[in-house]
Amino acid sequence: MTGQFATETGGCGASSARVSQDRPPGAAALAALTARLPGLRPAGAPERRGEFVIRGLRTLPVTA
């Protein structure tokens, strides 16, 4: 099954998963995803953003 991930969120859009404050937001998000979906695996190469100001991944294909 390949597709987008949807979470149950609170009124302000905050996820119900706990997020550690001592790691980068992307790492915390991936840890929360893999804890909630243990079968989650990469489904291709990630695509990085080219912008300087907003860095990170543009896409991260996964399969469960």
Protein backbone atom coordinates (compact mmCIF):
# COMPACT_ATOMS: atom_id res chain seq x y z
CA MET A 1 0.00 0.00 0.00
CA THR A 2 1.56 3.28 -1.11
CA GLY A 3 0.09 6.70 -0.40
CA GLN A 4 -0.16 9.69 1.84
CA PHE A 5 -0.15 9.53 5.62
CA ALA A 6 -3.00 11.10 7.59
CA THR A 7 -3.01 11.60 11.34
CA GLU A 8 -5.66 12.26 13.92
CA THR A 9 -5.09 15.81 15.04
CA GLY A 10 -6.31 18.01 17.82
CA GLY A 11 -8.14 21.30 17.40
CA CYS A 12 -4.99 23.24 16.55
CA GLY A 13 -3.61 20.61 14.17
CA ALA A 14 -1.21 19.11 16.71
CA SER A 15 -0.60 15.40 16.39
CA SER A 16 -1.45 13.15 19.30
CA ALA A 17 2.04 11.56 19.08
CA ARG A 18 4.68 12.79 21.49
CA VAL A 19 7.48 14.77 19.87
CA SER A 20 10.88 15.16 21.50
CA GLN A 21 12.19 18.72 21.73
CA ASP A 22 15.86 17.66 21.49
CA ARG A 23 15.85 16.45 17.88
CA PRO A 24 15.13 18.17 14.55
CA PRO A 25 11.41 18.29 13.65
CA GLY A 26 11.87 15.99 10.65
CA ALA A 27 13.55 13.31 12.76
CA ALA A 28 10.84 13.60 15.42
CA ALA A 29 8.13 13.32 12.75
CA LEU A 30 9.73 10.21 11.24
CA ALA A 31 10.09 8.64 14.69
CA ALA A 32 6.39 9.30 15.39
CA LEU A 33 5.39 7.84 12.01
CA THR A 34 7.43 4.68 12.42
CA ALA A 35 6.13 4.20 15.97
CA ARG A 36 2.55 4.47 14.72
CA LEU A 37 3.11 2.48 11.51
CA PRO A 38 5.87 -0.08 12.20
CA GLY A 39 5.64 -1.53 8.66
CA LEU A 40 6.50 1.81 7.02
CA ARG A 41 9.40 1.45 4.56
CA PRO A 42 11.01 3.70 1.92
CA ALA A 43 9.47 3.31 -1.55
CA GLY A 44 12.00 5.35 -3.51
CA ALA A 45 14.62 8.04 -3.23
CA PRO A 46 13.71 11.20 -1.31
CA GLU A 47 13.69 14.47 -3.26
CA ARG A 48 15.36 17.44 -1.57
CA ARG A 49 14.11 21.02 -1.82
CA GLY A 50 16.35 23.34 -3.81
CA GLU A 51 15.57 26.47 -1.80
CA PHE A 52 18.04 27.89 0.68
CA VAL A 53 15.50 29.28 3.15
CA ILE A 54 13.14 26.29 3.33
CA ARG A 55 15.44 23.28 3.42
CA GLY A 56 14.52 19.65 3.77
CA LEU A 57 12.70 17.10 1.68
CA ARG A 58 10.17 17.89 -1.02
CA THR A 59 9.01 14.26 -1.18
CA LEU A 60 9.64 11.10 0.83
CA PRO A 61 7.89 8.15 -0.83
CA VAL A 62 6.90 5.37 1.55
CA THR A 63 5.01 2.10 1.52
CA ALA A 64 3.31 0.22 4.34
